[in-house]
Amino acid sequence: DLKDIESVRKKVGMVFQQFNLFPHLTVLQNITLGPIWVSQKNRE
């Protein structure tokens, strides 16, 4: 069930062996991407 999977993934953070950062984004942009686009937080 995709709804249940999405619900769980919102509560679970994961750090991998490889860093999986977006190379074309700054450190700040890498960190704020999820809160802005997934959690709908304002940029500030």
ModelCIF file with pLDDT and N, C-alpha, C, O atoms, coordinates in Angstrom:
data_MODEL
#
_entry.id   MODEL 
#
_entity.id                         1 
_entity.type                       polymer 
_entity.pdbx_number_of_molecules   1 
#
_entity_poly.entity_id                      1 
_entity_poly.type                           'polypeptide(L)' 
_entity_poly.nstd_linkage                   no 
_entity_poly.nstd_monomer                   no 
_entity_poly.pdbx_seq_one_letter_code       DLKDIESVRKKVGMVFQQFNLFPHLTVLQNITLGPIWVSQKNRE 
_entity_poly.pdbx_seq_one_letter_code_can   DLKDIESVRKKVGMVFQQFNLFPHLTVLQNITLGPIWVSQKNRE 
_entity_poly.pdbx_strand_id                 A 
#
loop_
_entity_poly_seq.entity_id 
_entity_poly_seq.num 
_entity_poly_seq.mon_id 
_entity_poly_seq.hetero 
1 1  ASP n 
1 2  LEU n 
1 3  LYS n 
1 4  ASP n 
1 5  ILE n 
1 6  GLU n 
1 7  SER n 
1 8  VAL n 
1 9  ARG n 
1 10 LYS n 
1 11 LYS n 
1 12 VAL n 
1 13 GLY n 
1 14 MET n 
1 15 VAL n 
1 16 PHE n 
1 17 GLN n 
1 18 GLN n 
1 19 PHE n 
1 20 ASN n 
1 21 LEU n 
1 22 PHE n 
1 23 PRO n 
1 24 HIS n 
1 25 LEU n 
1 26 THR n 
1 27 VAL n 
1 28 LEU n 
1 29 GLN n 
1 30 ASN n 
1 31 ILE n 
1 32 THR n 
1 33 LEU n 
1 34 GLY n 
1 35 PRO n 
1 36 ILE n 
1 37 TRP n 
1 38 VAL n 
1 39 SER n 
1 40 GLN n 
1 41 LYS n 
1 42 ASN n 
1 43 ARG n 
1 44 GLU n 
#
_struct_asym.id          A 
_struct_asym.entity_id   1 
#
loop_
_ma_qa_metric.id 
_ma_qa_metric.mode 
_ma_qa_metric.name 
_ma_qa_metric.software_group_id 
_ma_qa_metric.type 
1 global pLDDT . pLDDT 
2 local  pLDDT . pLDDT 
#
_ma_qa_metric_global.metric_id      1 
_ma_qa_metric_global.metric_value   93.39 
_ma_qa_metric_global.model_id       1 
_ma_qa_metric_global.ordinal_id     1 
#
loop_
_ma_qa_metric_local.label_asym_id 
_ma_qa_metric_local.label_comp_id 
_ma_qa_metric_local.label_seq_id 
_ma_qa_metric_local.metric_id 
_ma_qa_metric_local.metric_value 
_ma_qa_metric_local.model_id 
_ma_qa_metric_local.ordinal_id 
A ASP 1  2 95.00 1 1  
A LEU 2  2 94.00 1 2  
A LYS 3  2 94.00 1 3  
A ASP 4  2 95.00 1 4  
A ILE 5  2 95.00 1 5  
A GLU 6  2 92.00 1 6  
A SER 7  2 92.00 1 7  
A VAL 8  2 95.00 1 8  
A ARG 9  2 93.00 1 9  
A LYS 10 2 91.00 1 10 
A LYS 11 2 94.00 1 11 
A VAL 12 2 96.00 1 12 
A GLY 13 2 95.00 1 13 
A MET 14 2 95.00 1 14 
A VAL 15 2 96.00 1 15 
A PHE 16 2 92.00 1 16 
A GLN 17 2 89.00 1 17 
A GLN 18 2 89.00 1 18 
A PHE 19 2 89.00 1 19 
A ASN 20 2 90.00 1 20 
A LEU 21 2 95.00 1 21 
A PHE 22 2 95.00 1 22 
A PRO 23 2 96.00 1 23 
A HIS 24 2 97.00 1 24 
A LEU 25 2 97.00 1 25 
A THR 26 2 97.00 1 26 
A VAL 27 2 97.00 1 27 
A LEU 28 2 97.00 1 28 
A GLN 29 2 96.00 1 29 
A ASN 30 2 97.00 1 30 
A ILE 31 2 97.00 1 31 
A THR 32 2 96.00 1 32 
A LEU 33 2 95.00 1 33 
A GLY 34 2 92.00 1 34 
A PRO 35 2 93.00 1 35 
A ILE 36 2 93.00 1 36 
A TRP 37 2 90.00 1 37 
A VAL 38 2 87.00 1 38 
A SER 39 2 84.00 1 39 
A GLN 40 2 89.00 1 40 
A LYS 41 2 90.00 1 41 
A ASN 42 2 92.00 1 42 
A ARG 43 2 93.00 1 43 
A GLU 44 2 93.00 1 44 
#
loop_
_atom_site.group_PDB 
_atom_site.id 
_atom_site.type_symbol 
_atom_site.label_atom_id 
_atom_site.label_alt_id 
_atom_site.label_comp_id 
_atom_site.label_asym_id 
_atom_site.label_entity_id 
_atom_site.label_seq_id 
_atom_site.pdbx_PDB_ins_code 
_atom_site.Cartn_x 
_atom_site.Cartn_y 
_atom_site.Cartn_z 
_atom_site.occupancy 
_atom_site.B_iso_or_equiv 
_atom_site.pdbx_formal_charge 
_atom_site.auth_seq_id 
_atom_site.auth_comp_id 
_atom_site.auth_asym_id 
_atom_site.auth_atom_id 
_atom_site.pdbx_PDB_model_num 
ATOM 1   N N  . ASP A 1 1  ? 0.847  -1.194 0.000  1.00 95.00 ? 1  ASP A N  1 
ATOM 2   C CA . ASP A 1 1  ? 0.000  0.000  0.000  1.00 95.00 ? 1  ASP A CA 1 
ATOM 3   C C  . ASP A 1 1  ? 0.885  1.247  0.000  1.00 95.00 ? 1  ASP A C  1 
ATOM 4   O O  . ASP A 1 1  ? 1.613  1.486  0.964  1.00 95.00 ? 1  ASP A O  1 
ATOM 5   N N  . LEU A 1 2  ? 0.831  2.036  -1.060 1.00 94.00 ? 2  LEU A N  1 
ATOM 6   C CA . LEU A 1 2  ? 1.714  3.188  -1.204 1.00 94.00 ? 2  LEU A CA 1 
ATOM 7   C C  . LEU A 1 2  ? 1.456  4.244  -0.135 1.00 94.00 ? 2  LEU A C  1 
ATOM 8   O O  . LEU A 1 2  ? 2.385  4.932  0.289  1.00 94.00 ? 2  LEU A O  1 
ATOM 9   N N  . LYS A 1 3  ? 0.221  4.379  0.301  1.00 94.00 ? 3  LYS A N  1 
ATOM 10  C CA . LYS A 1 3  ? -0.095 5.365  1.336  1.00 94.00 ? 3  LYS A CA 1 
ATOM 11  C C  . LYS A 1 3  ? 0.596  5.003  2.639  1.00 94.00 ? 3  LYS A C  1 
ATOM 12  O O  . LYS A 1 3  ? 1.129  5.879  3.320  1.00 94.00 ? 3  LYS A O  1 
ATOM 13  N N  . ASP A 1 4  ? 0.595  3.721  2.997  1.00 95.00 ? 4  ASP A N  1 
ATOM 14  C CA . ASP A 1 4  ? 1.268  3.288  4.221  1.00 95.00 ? 4  ASP A CA 1 
ATOM 15  C C  . ASP A 1 4  ? 2.781  3.429  4.104  1.00 95.00 ? 4  ASP A C  1 
ATOM 16  O O  . ASP A 1 4  ? 3.446  3.827  5.061  1.00 95.00 ? 4  ASP A O  1 
ATOM 17  N N  . ILE A 1 5  ? 3.324  3.105  2.935  1.00 95.00 ? 5  ILE A N  1 
ATOM 18  C CA . ILE A 1 5  ? 4.767  3.250  2.720  1.00 95.00 ? 5  ILE A CA 1 
ATOM 19  C C  . ILE A 1 5  ? 5.175  4.714  2.878  1.00 95.00 ? 5  ILE A C  1 
ATOM 20  O O  . ILE A 1 5  ? 6.171  5.013  3.537  1.00 95.00 ? 5  ILE A O  1 
ATOM 21  N N  . GLU A 1 6  ? 4.412  5.622  2.279  1.00 92.00 ? 6  GLU A N  1 
ATOM 22  C CA . GLU A 1 6  ? 4.708  7.049  2.378  1.00 92.00 ? 6  GLU A CA 1 
ATOM 23  C C  . GLU A 1 6  ? 4.607  7.521  3.822  1.00 92.00 ? 6  GLU A C  1 
ATOM 24  O O  . GLU A 1 6  ? 5.426  8.322  4.272  1.00 92.00 ? 6  GLU A O  1 
ATOM 25  N N  . SER A 1 7  ? 3.607  7.028  4.550  1.00 92.00 ? 7  SER A N  1 
ATOM 26  C CA . SER A 1 7  ? 3.426  7.408  5.953  1.00 92.00 ? 7  SER A CA 1 
ATOM 27  C C  . SER A 1 7  ? 4.643  7.012  6.784  1.00 92.00 ? 7  SER A C  1 
ATOM 28  O O  . SER A 1 7  ? 5.119  7.794  7.606  1.00 92.00 ? 7  SER A O  1 
ATOM 29  N N  . VAL A 1 8  ? 5.147  5.794  6.568  1.00 95.00 ? 8  VAL A N  1 
ATOM 30  C CA . VAL A 1 8  ? 6.309  5.317  7.315  1.00 95.00 ? 8  VAL A CA 1 
ATOM 31  C C  . VAL A 1 8  ? 7.562  6.096  6.931  1.00 95.00 ? 8  VAL A C  1 
ATOM 32  O O  . VAL A 1 8  ? 8.350  6.469  7.800  1.00 95.00 ? 8  VAL A O  1 
ATOM 33  N N  . ARG A 1 9  ? 7.749  6.339  5.657  1.00 93.00 ? 9  ARG A N  1 
ATOM 34  C CA . ARG A 1 9  ? 8.964  7.023  5.207  1.00 93.00 ? 9  ARG A CA 1 
ATOM 35  C C  . ARG A 1 9  ? 9.064  8.451  5.729  1.00 93.00 ? 9  ARG A C  1 
ATOM 36  O O  . ARG A 1 9  ? 10.166 8.987  5.855  1.00 93.00 ? 9  ARG A O  1 
ATOM 37  N N  . LYS A 1 10 ? 7.936  9.068  6.032  1.00 91.00 ? 10 LYS A N  1 
ATOM 38  C CA . LYS A 1 10 ? 7.962  10.401 6.621  1.00 91.00 ? 10 LYS A CA 1 
ATOM 39  C C  . LYS A 1 10 ? 8.518  10.378 8.047  1.00 91.00 ? 10 LYS A C  1 
ATOM 40  O O  . LYS A 1 10 ? 8.991  11.397 8.550  1.00 91.00 ? 10 LYS A O  1 
ATOM 41  N N  . LYS A 1 11 ? 8.458  9.210  8.693  1.00 94.00 ? 11 LYS A N  1 
ATOM 42  C CA . LYS A 1 11 ? 8.896  9.086  10.077 1.00 94.00 ? 11 LYS A CA 1 
ATOM 43  C C  . LYS A 1 11 ? 10.288 8.480  10.205 1.00 94.00 ? 11 LYS A C  1 
ATOM 44  O O  . LYS A 1 11 ? 10.856 8.434  11.296 1.00 94.00 ? 11 LYS A O  1 
ATOM 45  N N  . VAL A 1 12 ? 10.831 8.017  9.085  1.00 96.00 ? 12 VAL A N  1 
ATOM 46  C CA . VAL A 1 12 ? 12.100 7.277  9.109  1.00 96.00 ? 12 VAL A CA 1 
ATOM 47  C C  . VAL A 1 12 ? 13.129 7.982  8.243  1.00 96.00 ? 12 VAL A C  1 
ATOM 48  O O  . VAL A 1 12 ? 12.931 8.145  7.039  1.00 96.00 ? 12 VAL A O  1 
ATOM 49  N N  . GLY A 1 13 ? 14.239 8.405  8.864  1.00 95.00 ? 13 GLY A N  1 
ATOM 50  C CA . GLY A 1 13 ? 15.352 8.968  8.105  1.00 95.00 ? 13 GLY A CA 1 
ATOM 51  C C  . GLY A 1 13 ? 16.404 7.904  7.870  1.00 95.00 ? 13 GLY A C  1 
ATOM 52  O O  . GLY A 1 13 ? 16.552 6.979  8.669  1.00 95.00 ? 13 GLY A O  1 
ATOM 53  N N  . MET A 1 14 ? 17.145 8.036  6.758  1.00 95.00 ? 14 MET A N  1 
ATOM 54  C CA . MET A 1 14 ? 18.151 7.016  6.462  1.00 95.00 ? 14 MET A CA 1 
ATOM 55  C C  . MET A 1 14 ? 19.424 7.650  5.933  1.00 95.00 ? 14 MET A C  1 
ATOM 56  O O  . MET A 1 14 ? 19.387 8.580  5.127  1.00 95.00 ? 14 MET A O  1 
ATOM 57  N N  . VAL A 1 15 ? 20.555 7.130  6.402  1.00 96.00 ? 15 VAL A N  1 
ATOM 58  C CA . VAL A 1 15 ? 21.879 7.551  5.957  1.00 96.00 ? 15 VAL A CA 1 
ATOM 59  C C  . VAL A 1 15 ? 22.570 6.322  5.383  1.00 96.00 ? 15 VAL A C  1 
ATOM 60  O O  . VAL A 1 15 ? 22.642 5.281  6.036  1.00 96.00 ? 15 VAL A O  1 
ATOM 61  N N  . PHE A 1 16 ? 23.080 6.447  4.158  1.00 92.00 ? 16 PHE A N  1 
ATOM 62  C CA . PHE A 1 16 ? 23.630 5.314  3.423  1.00 92.00 ? 16 PHE A CA 1 
ATOM 63  C C  . PHE A 1 16 ? 25.161 5.307  3.477  1.00 92.00 ? 16 PHE A C  1 
ATOM 64  O O  . PHE A 1 16 ? 25.783 6.240  3.985  1.00 92.00 ? 16 PHE A O  1 
ATOM 65  N N  . GLN A 1 17 ? 25.750 4.235  2.941  1.00 89.00 ? 17 GLN A N  1 
ATOM 66  C CA . GLN A 1 17 ? 27.211 4.163  2.829  1.00 89.00 ? 17 GLN A CA 1 
ATOM 67  C C  . GLN A 1 17 ? 27.720 5.312  1.969  1.00 89.00 ? 17 GLN A C  1 
ATOM 68  O O  . GLN A 1 17 ? 28.621 6.052  2.367  1.00 89.00 ? 17 GLN A O  1 
ATOM 69  N N  . GLN A 1 18 ? 27.134 5.448  0.792  1.00 89.00 ? 18 GLN A N  1 
ATOM 70  C CA . GLN A 1 18 ? 27.460 6.575  -0.087 1.00 89.00 ? 18 GLN A CA 1 
ATOM 71  C C  . GLN A 1 18 ? 26.534 7.725  0.278  1.00 89.00 ? 18 GLN A C  1 
ATOM 72  O O  . GLN A 1 18 ? 25.394 7.500  0.683  1.00 89.00 ? 18 GLN A O  1 
ATOM 73  N N  . PHE A 1 19 ? 27.006 8.930  0.142  1.00 89.00 ? 19 PHE A N  1 
ATOM 74  C CA . PHE A 1 19 ? 26.337 10.071 0.752  1.00 89.00 ? 19 PHE A CA 1 
ATOM 75  C C  . PHE A 1 19 ? 25.043 10.462 0.038  1.00 89.00 ? 19 PHE A C  1 
ATOM 76  O O  . PHE A 1 19 ? 24.129 11.010 0.655  1.00 89.00 ? 19 PHE A O  1 
ATOM 77  N N  . ASN A 1 20 ? 24.971 10.174 -1.284 1.00 90.00 ? 20 ASN A N  1 
ATOM 78  C CA . ASN A 1 20 ? 23.752 10.419 -2.065 1.00 90.00 ? 20 ASN A CA 1 
ATOM 79  C C  . ASN A 1 20 ? 23.300 11.875 -2.010 1.00 90.00 ? 20 ASN A C  1 
ATOM 80  O O  . ASN A 1 20 ? 22.102 12.158 -2.027 1.00 90.00 ? 20 ASN A O  1 
ATOM 81  N N  . LEU A 1 21 ? 24.256 12.793 -1.944 1.00 95.00 ? 21 LEU A N  1 
ATOM 82  C CA . LEU A 1 21 ? 23.914 14.213 -2.003 1.00 95.00 ? 21 LEU A CA 1 
ATOM 83  C C  . LEU A 1 21 ? 23.766 14.647 -3.462 1.00 95.00 ? 21 LEU A C  1 
ATOM 84  O O  . LEU A 1 21 ? 24.364 14.052 -4.359 1.00 95.00 ? 21 LEU A O  1 
ATOM 85  N N  . PHE A 1 22 ? 22.968 15.683 -3.687 1.00 95.00 ? 22 PHE A N  1 
ATOM 86  C CA . PHE A 1 22 ? 22.827 16.227 -5.033 1.00 95.00 ? 22 PHE A CA 1 
ATOM 87  C C  . PHE A 1 22 ? 24.025 17.137 -5.323 1.00 95.00 ? 22 PHE A C  1 
ATOM 88  O O  . PHE A 1 22 ? 24.173 18.178 -4.683 1.00 95.00 ? 22 PHE A O  1 
ATOM 89  N N  . PRO A 1 23 ? 24.881 16.758 -6.279 1.00 96.00 ? 23 PRO A N  1 
ATOM 90  C CA . PRO A 1 23 ? 26.130 17.503 -6.488 1.00 96.00 ? 23 PRO A CA 1 
ATOM 91  C C  . PRO A 1 23 ? 25.921 18.922 -7.008 1.00 96.00 ? 23 PRO A C  1 
ATOM 92  O O  . PRO A 1 23 ? 26.784 19.780 -6.822 1.00 96.00 ? 23 PRO A O  1 
ATOM 93  N N  . HIS A 1 24 ? 24.782 19.179 -7.659 1.00 97.00 ? 24 HIS A N  1 
ATOM 94  C CA . HIS A 1 24 ? 24.543 20.501 -8.247 1.00 97.00 ? 24 HIS A CA 1 
ATOM 95  C C  . HIS A 1 24 ? 23.888 21.460 -7.256 1.00 97.00 ? 24 HIS A C  1 
ATOM 96  O O  . HIS A 1 24 ? 23.639 22.618 -7.592 1.00 97.00 ? 24 HIS A O  1 
ATOM 97  N N  . LEU A 1 25 ? 23.605 20.986 -6.026 1.00 97.00 ? 25 LEU A N  1 
ATOM 98  C CA . LEU A 1 25 ? 23.003 21.819 -4.992 1.00 97.00 ? 25 LEU A CA 1 
ATOM 99  C C  . LEU A 1 25 ? 24.010 22.081 -3.877 1.00 97.00 ? 25 LEU A C  1 
ATOM 100 O O  . LEU A 1 25 ? 24.856 21.236 -3.585 1.00 97.00 ? 25 LEU A O  1 
ATOM 101 N N  . THR A 1 26 ? 23.915 23.243 -3.264 1.00 97.00 ? 26 THR A N  1 
ATOM 102 C CA . THR A 1 26 ? 24.775 23.536 -2.120 1.00 97.00 ? 26 THR A CA 1 
ATOM 103 C C  . THR A 1 26 ? 24.367 22.672 -0.931 1.00 97.00 ? 26 THR A C  1 
ATOM 104 O O  . THR A 1 26 ? 23.323 22.021 -0.950 1.00 97.00 ? 26 THR A O  1 
ATOM 105 N N  . VAL A 1 27 ? 25.206 22.676 0.103  1.00 97.00 ? 27 VAL A N  1 
ATOM 106 C CA . VAL A 1 27 ? 24.881 21.958 1.337  1.00 97.00 ? 27 VAL A CA 1 
ATOM 107 C C  . VAL A 1 27 ? 23.526 22.407 1.862  1.00 97.00 ? 27 VAL A C  1 
ATOM 108 O O  . VAL A 1 27 ? 22.679 21.577 2.194  1.00 97.00 ? 27 VAL A O  1 
ATOM 109 N N  . LEU A 1 28 ? 23.319 23.721 1.939  1.00 97.00 ? 28 LEU A N  1 
ATOM 110 C CA . LEU A 1 28 ? 22.054 24.252 2.455  1.00 97.00 ? 28 LEU A CA 1 
ATOM 111 C C  . LEU A 1 28 ? 20.885 23.807 1.594  1.00 97.00 ? 28 LEU A C  1 
ATOM 112 O O  . LEU A 1 28 ? 19.837 23.436 2.121  1.00 97.00 ? 28 LEU A O  1 
ATOM 113 N N  . GLN A 1 29 ? 21.047 23.836 0.294  1.00 96.00 ? 29 GLN A N  1 
ATOM 114 C CA . GLN A 1 29 ? 19.961 23.427 -0.607 1.00 96.00 ? 29 GLN A CA 1 
ATOM 115 C C  . GLN A 1 29 ? 19.672 21.938 -0.486 1.00 96.00 ? 29 GLN A C  1 
ATOM 116 O O  . GLN A 1 29 ? 18.513 21.529 -0.556 1.00 96.00 ? 29 GLN A O  1 
ATOM 117 N N  . ASN A 1 30 ? 20.714 21.116 -0.305 1.00 97.00 ? 30 ASN A N  1 
ATOM 118 C CA . ASN A 1 30 ? 20.498 19.681 -0.106 1.00 97.00 ? 30 ASN A CA 1 
ATOM 119 C C  . ASN A 1 30 ? 19.637 19.421 1.127  1.00 97.00 ? 30 ASN A C  1 
ATOM 120 O O  . ASN A 1 30 ? 18.766 18.551 1.103  1.00 97.00 ? 30 ASN A O  1 
ATOM 121 N N  . ILE A 1 31 ? 19.873 20.164 2.194  1.00 97.00 ? 31 ILE A N  1 
ATOM 122 C CA . ILE A 1 31 ? 19.162 19.929 3.450  1.00 97.00 ? 31 ILE A CA 1 
ATOM 123 C C  . ILE A 1 31 ? 17.749 20.478 3.415  1.00 97.00 ? 31 ILE A C  1 
ATOM 124 O O  . ILE A 1 31 ? 16.843 19.884 4.000  1.00 97.00 ? 31 ILE A O  1 
ATOM 125 N N  . THR A 1 32 ? 17.540 21.613 2.734  1.00 96.00 ? 32 THR A N  1 
ATOM 126 C CA . THR A 1 32 ? 16.216 22.250 2.746  1.00 96.00 ? 32 THR A CA 1 
ATOM 127 C C  . THR A 1 32 ? 15.266 21.688 1.698  1.00 96.00 ? 32 THR A C  1 
ATOM 128 O O  . THR A 1 32 ? 14.073 21.989 1.725  1.00 96.00 ? 32 THR A O  1 
ATOM 129 N N  . LEU A 1 33 ? 15.768 20.889 0.790  1.00 95.00 ? 33 LEU A N  1 
ATOM 130 C CA . LEU A 1 33 ? 14.929 20.386 -0.301 1.00 95.00 ? 33 LEU A CA 1 
ATOM 131 C C  . LEU A 1 33 ? 13.721 19.610 0.224  1.00 95.00 ? 33 LEU A C  1 
ATOM 132 O O  . LEU A 1 33 ? 12.588 19.866 -0.186 1.00 95.00 ? 33 LEU A O  1 
ATOM 133 N N  . GLY A 1 34 ? 13.965 18.661 1.133  1.00 92.00 ? 34 GLY A N  1 
ATOM 134 C CA . GLY A 1 34 ? 12.874 17.849 1.676  1.00 92.00 ? 34 GLY A CA 1 
ATOM 135 C C  . GLY A 1 34 ? 11.869 18.655 2.477  1.00 92.00 ? 34 GLY A C  1 
ATOM 136 O O  . GLY A 1 34 ? 10.670 18.574 2.208  1.00 92.00 ? 34 GLY A O  1 
ATOM 137 N N  . PRO A 1 35 ? 12.326 19.438 3.464  1.00 93.00 ? 35 PRO A N  1 
ATOM 138 C CA . PRO A 1 35 ? 11.372 20.235 4.240  1.00 93.00 ? 35 PRO A CA 1 
ATOM 139 C C  . PRO A 1 35 ? 10.502 21.148 3.386  1.00 93.00 ? 35 PRO A C  1 
ATOM 140 O O  . PRO A 1 35 ? 9.320  21.322 3.682  1.00 93.00 ? 35 PRO A O  1 
ATOM 141 N N  . ILE A 1 36 ? 11.073 21.739 2.320  1.00 93.00 ? 36 ILE A N  1 
ATOM 142 C CA . ILE A 1 36 ? 10.299 22.663 1.480  1.00 93.00 ? 36 ILE A CA 1 
ATOM 143 C C  . ILE A 1 36 ? 9.300  21.910 0.598  1.00 93.00 ? 36 ILE A C  1 
ATOM 144 O O  . ILE A 1 36 ? 8.128  22.279 0.523  1.00 93.00 ? 36 ILE A O  1 
ATOM 145 N N  . TRP A 1 37 ? 9.777  20.846 -0.072 1.00 90.00 ? 37 TRP A N  1 
ATOM 146 C CA . TRP A 1 37 ? 8.936  20.207 -1.076 1.00 90.00 ? 37 TRP A CA 1 
ATOM 147 C C  . TRP A 1 37 ? 8.083  19.069 -0.528 1.00 90.00 ? 37 TRP A C  1 
ATOM 148 O O  . TRP A 1 37 ? 7.014  18.783 -1.068 1.00 90.00 ? 37 TRP A O  1 
ATOM 149 N N  . VAL A 1 38 ? 8.538  18.423 0.525  1.00 87.00 ? 38 VAL A N  1 
ATOM 150 C CA . VAL A 1 38 ? 7.769  17.311 1.091  1.00 87.00 ? 38 VAL A CA 1 
ATOM 151 C C  . VAL A 1 38 ? 6.956  17.760 2.296  1.00 87.00 ? 38 VAL A C  1 
ATOM 152 O O  . VAL A 1 38 ? 5.767  17.456 2.396  1.00 87.00 ? 38 VAL A O  1 
ATOM 153 N N  . SER A 1 39 ? 7.600  18.489 3.219  1.00 84.00 ? 39 SER A N  1 
ATOM 154 C CA . SER A 1 39 ? 6.914  18.918 4.445  1.00 84.00 ? 39 SER A CA 1 
ATOM 155 C C  . SER A 1 39 ? 6.219  20.263 4.299  1.00 84.00 ? 39 SER A C  1 
ATOM 156 O O  . SER A 1 39 ? 5.565  20.737 5.228  1.00 84.00 ? 39 SER A O  1 
ATOM 157 N N  . GLN A 1 40 ? 6.365  20.875 3.128  1.00 89.00 ? 40 GLN A N  1 
ATOM 158 C CA . GLN A 1 40 ? 5.674  22.142 2.827  1.00 89.00 ? 40 GLN A CA 1 
ATOM 159 C C  . GLN A 1 40 ? 6.040  23.267 3.791  1.00 89.00 ? 40 GLN A C  1 
ATOM 160 O O  . GLN A 1 40 ? 5.198  24.109 4.105  1.00 89.00 ? 40 GLN A O  1 
ATOM 161 N N  . LYS A 1 41 ? 7.277  23.290 4.261  1.00 90.00 ? 41 LYS A N  1 
ATOM 162 C CA . LYS A 1 41 ? 7.728  24.391 5.102  1.00 90.00 ? 41 LYS A CA 1 
ATOM 163 C C  . LYS A 1 41 ? 8.164  25.559 4.223  1.00 90.00 ? 41 LYS A C  1 
ATOM 164 O O  . LYS A 1 41 ? 8.633  25.362 3.102  1.00 90.00 ? 41 LYS A O  1 
ATOM 165 N N  . ASN A 1 42 ? 8.005  26.782 4.742  1.00 92.00 ? 42 ASN A N  1 
ATOM 166 C CA . ASN A 1 42 ? 8.465  27.921 3.957  1.00 92.00 ? 42 ASN A CA 1 
ATOM 167 C C  . ASN A 1 42 ? 9.989  27.960 3.965  1.00 92.00 ? 42 ASN A C  1 
ATOM 168 O O  . ASN A 1 42 ? 10.639 27.338 4.806  1.00 92.00 ? 42 ASN A O  1 
ATOM 169 N N  . ARG A 1 43 ? 10.535 28.691 3.027  1.00 93.00 ? 43 ARG A N  1 
ATOM 170 C CA . ARG A 1 43 ? 11.984 28.682 2.816  1.00 93.00 ? 43 ARG A CA 1 
ATOM 171 C C  . ARG A 1 43 ? 12.744 29.184 4.043  1.00 93.00 ? 43 ARG A C  1 
ATOM 172 O O  . ARG A 1 43 ? 13.795 28.645 4.391  1.00 93.00 ? 43 ARG A O  1 
ATOM 173 N N  . GLU A 1 44 ? 12.212 30.212 4.694  1.00 93.00 ? 44 GLU A N  1 
ATOM 174 C CA . GLU A 1 44 ? 12.893 30.765 5.860  1.00 93.00 ? 44 GLU A CA 1 
ATOM 175 C C  . GLU A 1 44 ? 12.965 29.742 6.991  1.00 93.00 ? 44 GLU A C  1 
ATOM 176 O O  . GLU A 1 44 ? 13.507 30.037 8.056  1.00 93.00 ? 44 GLU A O  1 
#
